[in-house]
């Protein structure tokens, strides 16, 4: 009978066993290819990952289950679809370090083409009542880089982010149970963009002030005006290249 090391409860998982389990989850070429595809931070459906890795759809679910059980990947539902993404930044760094160690001349994450969508929807559009497309991601990324928004795990405005909302005229007064910030998976960029009160009211202010406008014919697409380019540059330091 093996003795339990001092300081560890009898029913606690063995660290060596957990490490071995993690390594076993990655010790398969198909699962490694899935992780490489997910390293850019984008999310994909099981069917898309089957095509990316050249594996039959009938077998991809078993590989995904191993990665999900190991905590390497997580799933996120958007509409009728369930998407798979890397569990978080720490996990992405771990997988990226392993890939760089195994491939010494590797200097970038494995690139996978993003799903195509007709313009202007891929450039800028609304998702329910907040920004989406490349414009939505540009706003989200800029807020994260400036310390206004925490994007690891659940999205959360920082204290600096709340102050920024006040200066930008983004009212965070609660209505019902909607949180100040939440994440929403972008179906073209396959990454999470800003929703919640902050996302909705920033979009509403942009429409009211003429920073963005609907194209002729209406729809969900958005056009950023010259005034909008100026204001977004002043507020977040982003330029039209970010959503072009």
Protein backbone atom coordinates (compact mmCIF):
# COMPACT_ATOMS: atom_id res chain seq x y z
CA UNK A 1 0.00 0.00 0.00
CA UNK A 2 1.42 3.37 -1.03
CA UNK A 3 1.67 6.06 1.64
CA UNK A 4 0.09 9.45 0.87
CA UNK A 5 2.72 12.23 0.99
CA UNK A 6 2.50 14.43 4.08
CA UNK A 7 0.41 17.54 3.59
CA UNK A 8 -1.82 16.07 0.85
CA UNK A 9 -5.35 14.80 1.65
CA UNK A 10 -5.89 11.11 1.06
CA UNK A 11 -8.51 11.77 -1.62
CA UNK A 12 -6.50 14.47 -3.44
CA UNK A 13 -5.39 13.67 -7.00
CA UNK A 14 -1.80 12.53 -7.36
CA UNK A 15 0.15 15.40 -9.03
CA UNK A 16 2.20 12.90 -11.03
CA UNK A 17 -0.96 11.21 -12.26
CA UNK A 18 -2.47 14.55 -13.27
CA UNK A 19 0.67 15.48 -15.17
CA UNK A 20 0.70 12.09 -16.89
CA UNK A 21 -2.97 12.52 -17.83
CA UNK A 22 -2.30 15.93 -19.33
CA UNK A 23 0.65 14.62 -21.30
CA UNK A 24 -1.41 11.65 -22.52
CA UNK A 25 -4.11 14.00 -23.80
CA UNK A 26 -1.53 15.75 -25.97
CA UNK A 27 0.31 12.57 -26.98
CA UNK A 28 -1.66 12.03 -30.16
CA UNK A 29 -1.01 13.58 -33.57
CA UNK A 30 -4.64 14.46 -34.19
CA UNK A 31 -5.12 16.07 -30.79
CA UNK A 32 -1.85 17.95 -31.21
CA UNK A 33 -3.10 19.22 -34.59
CA UNK A 34 -6.34 20.37 -32.95
CA UNK A 35 -4.35 22.32 -30.35
CA UNK A 36 -2.18 23.88 -33.05
CA UNK A 37 -5.31 25.03 -34.88
CA UNK A 38 -6.67 26.59 -31.70
CA UNK A 39 -3.49 28.43 -30.71
CA UNK A 40 -4.52 31.65 -32.42
CA UNK A 41 -7.32 31.98 -29.90
CA UNK A 42 -10.12 31.36 -32.37
CA UNK A 43 -12.94 28.89 -31.87
CA UNK A 44 -14.06 26.18 -34.30
CA UNK A 45 -16.86 23.67 -34.52
CA UNK A 46 -16.11 19.95 -34.35
CA UNK A 47 -16.87 19.61 -38.06
CA UNK A 48 -14.45 22.39 -38.95
CA UNK A 49 -11.73 20.89 -36.78
CA UNK A 50 -12.30 17.57 -38.54
CA UNK A 51 -11.65 19.26 -41.90
CA UNK A 52 -8.68 21.24 -40.58
CA UNK A 53 -7.01 18.10 -39.20
CA UNK A 54 -8.13 15.80 -42.04
CA UNK A 55 -9.88 13.48 -39.61
CA UNK A 56 -13.26 11.84 -40.16
CA UNK A 57 -16.09 13.63 -38.33
CA UNK A 58 -17.03 10.31 -36.75
CA UNK A 59 -13.74 10.19 -34.83
CA UNK A 60 -13.16 13.86 -33.96
CA UNK A 61 -15.55 13.82 -30.99
CA UNK A 62 -13.45 11.26 -29.13
CA UNK A 63 -10.33 13.38 -29.53
CA UNK A 64 -12.19 16.49 -28.39
CA UNK A 65 -13.52 14.67 -25.34
CA UNK A 66 -9.96 13.84 -24.27
CA UNK A 67 -8.90 17.48 -24.61
CA UNK A 68 -11.99 18.72 -22.79
CA UNK A 69 -11.53 16.23 -19.93
CA UNK A 70 -7.90 17.32 -19.57
CA UNK A 71 -8.94 20.98 -19.34
CA UNK A 72 -6.97 21.92 -22.45
CA UNK A 73 -10.06 22.99 -24.37
CA UNK A 74 -13.49 24.32 -23.48
CA UNK A 75 -16.71 24.60 -25.45
CA UNK A 76 -18.93 27.62 -25.98
CA UNK A 77 -22.41 27.61 -27.51
CA UNK A 78 -23.50 30.33 -29.92
CA UNK A 79 -26.91 29.90 -31.46
CA UNK A 80 -27.27 26.40 -32.86
CA UNK A 81 -23.53 25.71 -32.88
CA UNK A 82 -21.08 24.57 -30.23
CA UNK A 83 -17.55 25.90 -30.64
CA UNK A 84 -14.28 24.61 -29.22
CA UNK A 85 -11.52 26.94 -28.08
CA UNK A 86 -8.33 26.75 -26.04
CA UNK A 87 -9.13 26.91 -22.33
CA UNK A 88 -7.26 30.12 -21.60
CA UNK A 89 -4.11 32.16 -21.99
CA UNK A 90 -2.08 30.01 -19.60
CA UNK A 91 -3.04 26.85 -21.48
CA UNK A 92 -2.27 28.49 -24.81
CA UNK A 93 1.19 29.50 -23.54
CA UNK A 94 1.84 25.95 -22.35
CA UNK A 95 0.88 24.40 -25.70
CA UNK A 96 2.78 27.08 -27.61
CA UNK A 97 5.94 26.46 -25.53
CA UNK A 98 5.68 22.72 -26.18
CA UNK A 99 5.22 23.34 -29.91
CA UNK A 100 8.20 25.69 -30.02
CA UNK A 101 10.32 23.15 -28.13
CA UNK A 102 9.34 20.38 -30.55
CA UNK A 103 9.78 22.62 -33.61
CA UNK A 104 12.87 24.78 -32.94
CA UNK A 105 12.49 26.87 -36.11
CA UNK A 106 8.84 27.63 -35.41
CA UNK A 107 8.27 31.36 -34.84
CA UNK A 108 4.50 31.74 -35.06
CA UNK A 109 1.28 30.00 -34.19
CA UNK A 110 -0.18 27.62 -36.74
CA UNK A 111 -2.33 29.78 -39.02
CA UNK A 112 -5.83 28.67 -39.98
CA UNK A 113 -7.94 30.79 -42.36
CA UNK A 114 -10.84 32.55 -40.65
CA UNK A 115 -14.30 31.79 -41.96
CA UNK A 116 -15.20 34.10 -44.83
CA UNK A 117 -18.21 36.40 -44.66
CA UNK A 118 -19.57 39.00 -47.06
CA UNK A 119 -18.56 42.59 -46.45
CA UNK A 120 -19.57 44.76 -44.70
CA UNK A 121 -20.63 42.11 -42.16
CA UNK A 122 -17.08 40.85 -41.64
CA UNK A 123 -15.78 44.40 -41.20
CA UNK A 124 -18.36 45.87 -38.87
CA UNK A 125 -21.85 44.88 -37.81
CA UNK A 126 -24.09 44.62 -34.80
CA UNK A 127 -24.49 41.39 -32.86
CA UNK A 128 -27.82 41.87 -31.08
CA UNK A 129 -27.06 45.36 -29.74
CA UNK A 130 -23.26 45.56 -29.63
CA UNK A 131 -20.34 45.77 -32.05
CA UNK A 132 -19.17 42.64 -33.86
CA UNK A 133 -16.91 41.70 -36.75
CA UNK A 134 -13.43 43.18 -37.02
CA UNK A 135 -14.66 46.45 -35.50
CA UNK A 136 -15.99 44.61 -32.44
CA UNK A 137 -12.72 42.75 -32.03
CA UNK A 138 -10.69 45.95 -32.47
CA UNK A 139 -12.66 47.62 -29.65
CA UNK A 140 -12.35 44.54 -27.41
CA UNK A 141 -8.62 44.10 -28.06
CA UNK A 142 -7.91 47.81 -27.49
CA UNK A 143 -9.80 47.80 -24.19
CA UNK A 144 -7.91 44.71 -23.07
CA UNK A 145 -4.53 46.14 -24.05
CA UNK A 146 -5.26 49.40 -22.20
CA UNK A 147 -6.24 47.63 -19.00
CA UNK A 148 -9.90 48.60 -19.29
CA UNK A 149 -11.26 45.09 -19.71
CA UNK A 150 -10.24 41.70 -18.32
CA UNK A 151 -10.67 39.10 -21.03
CA UNK A 152 -9.24 35.99 -19.36
CA UNK A 153 -12.21 33.88 -18.34
CA UNK A 154 -15.36 35.92 -17.80
CA UNK A 155 -15.14 39.44 -19.24
CA UNK A 156 -14.98 42.12 -16.55
CA UNK A 157 -14.48 45.87 -16.64
CA UNK A 158 -11.60 47.07 -14.50
CA UNK A 159 -11.90 50.17 -12.34
CA UNK A 160 -10.05 52.03 -15.09
CA UNK A 161 -12.57 50.61 -17.55
CA UNK A 162 -15.51 51.95 -15.55
CA UNK A 163 -13.86 55.36 -15.42
CA UNK A 164 -13.24 55.18 -19.16
CA UNK A 165 -16.92 54.42 -19.76
CA UNK A 166 -17.83 57.52 -17.77
CA UNK A 167 -15.50 59.71 -19.82
CA UNK A 168 -16.75 58.16 -23.08
CA UNK A 169 -20.40 58.75 -22.19
CA UNK A 170 -21.15 55.03 -21.87
CA UNK A 171 -23.84 54.75 -19.19
CA UNK A 172 -23.45 51.66 -17.02
CA UNK A 173 -26.67 52.13 -15.00
CA UNK A 174 -28.07 48.63 -14.49
CA UNK A 175 -31.25 47.46 -16.16
CA UNK A 176 -32.41 44.11 -14.88
CA UNK A 177 -29.67 41.54 -14.34
CA UNK A 178 -27.50 42.34 -17.36
CA UNK A 179 -23.82 42.55 -16.31
CA UNK A 180 -21.64 45.58 -17.08
CA UNK A 181 -19.52 43.39 -19.38
CA UNK A 182 -19.93 39.97 -20.93
CA UNK A 183 -18.37 38.04 -23.77
CA UNK A 184 -20.02 36.96 -27.01
CA UNK A 185 -18.43 34.64 -29.55
CA UNK A 186 -17.99 36.35 -32.91
CA UNK A 187 -19.07 33.98 -35.71
CA UNK A 188 -16.74 35.51 -38.31
CA UNK A 189 -13.67 36.21 -36.18
CA UNK A 190 -14.21 33.12 -33.96
CA UNK A 191 -13.06 35.09 -30.96
CA UNK A 192 -14.94 36.68 -28.08
CA UNK A 193 -15.99 40.32 -28.30
CA UNK A 194 -17.45 42.73 -25.75
CA UNK A 195 -21.15 42.51 -24.92
CA UNK A 196 -23.10 43.40 -21.79
CA UNK A 197 -24.11 46.92 -20.82
CA UNK A 198 -20.78 48.43 -21.85
CA UNK A 199 -20.91 46.85 -25.30
CA UNK A 200 -24.56 47.73 -25.90
CA UNK A 201 -24.35 51.31 -24.73
CA UNK A 202 -21.10 52.02 -26.53
CA UNK A 203 -22.77 50.84 -29.73
CA UNK A 204 -25.91 52.87 -29.00
CA UNK A 205 -23.86 56.01 -28.35
CA UNK A 206 -21.88 55.45 -31.56
CA UNK A 207 -25.12 55.24 -33.56
CA UNK A 208 -26.68 58.24 -31.81
CA UNK A 209 -23.58 60.40 -32.30
CA UNK A 210 -23.06 59.36 -35.92
CA UNK A 211 -19.76 57.58 -35.30
CA UNK A 212 -21.24 54.63 -37.17
CA UNK A 213 -24.23 54.38 -39.47
CA UNK A 214 -26.31 51.75 -41.18
CA UNK A 215 -25.60 51.30 -44.89
CA UNK A 216 -28.32 52.06 -47.44
CA UNK A 217 -30.91 49.32 -47.24
CA UNK A 218 -30.41 48.74 -43.51
CA UNK A 219 -29.42 45.39 -42.06
CA UNK A 220 -26.86 44.59 -39.39
CA UNK A 221 -23.85 45.96 -41.25
CA UNK A 222 -22.21 49.18 -40.03
CA UNK A 223 -20.18 51.89 -41.71
CA UNK A 224 -17.70 53.86 -39.62
CA UNK A 225 -17.91 57.57 -40.46
CA UNK A 226 -14.99 60.01 -40.58
CA UNK A 227 -16.11 61.34 -37.20
CA UNK A 228 -16.20 57.78 -35.91
CA UNK A 229 -12.65 57.15 -37.10
CA UNK A 230 -11.51 60.25 -35.23
CA UNK A 231 -13.37 59.39 -32.01
CA UNK A 232 -12.32 55.73 -31.96
CA UNK A 233 -8.74 56.87 -32.44
CA UNK A 234 -9.02 59.30 -29.53
CA UNK A 235 -10.87 56.92 -27.20
CA UNK A 236 -9.03 53.67 -27.92
CA UNK A 237 -6.14 54.41 -30.25
CA UNK A 238 -7.53 52.21 -33.05
CA UNK A 239 -7.32 53.10 -36.73
CA UNK A 240 -9.39 52.05 -39.77
CA UNK A 241 -6.81 49.37 -40.57
CA UNK A 242 -8.12 47.45 -37.57
CA UNK A 243 -11.50 46.81 -39.19
CA UNK A 244 -10.68 47.20 -42.90
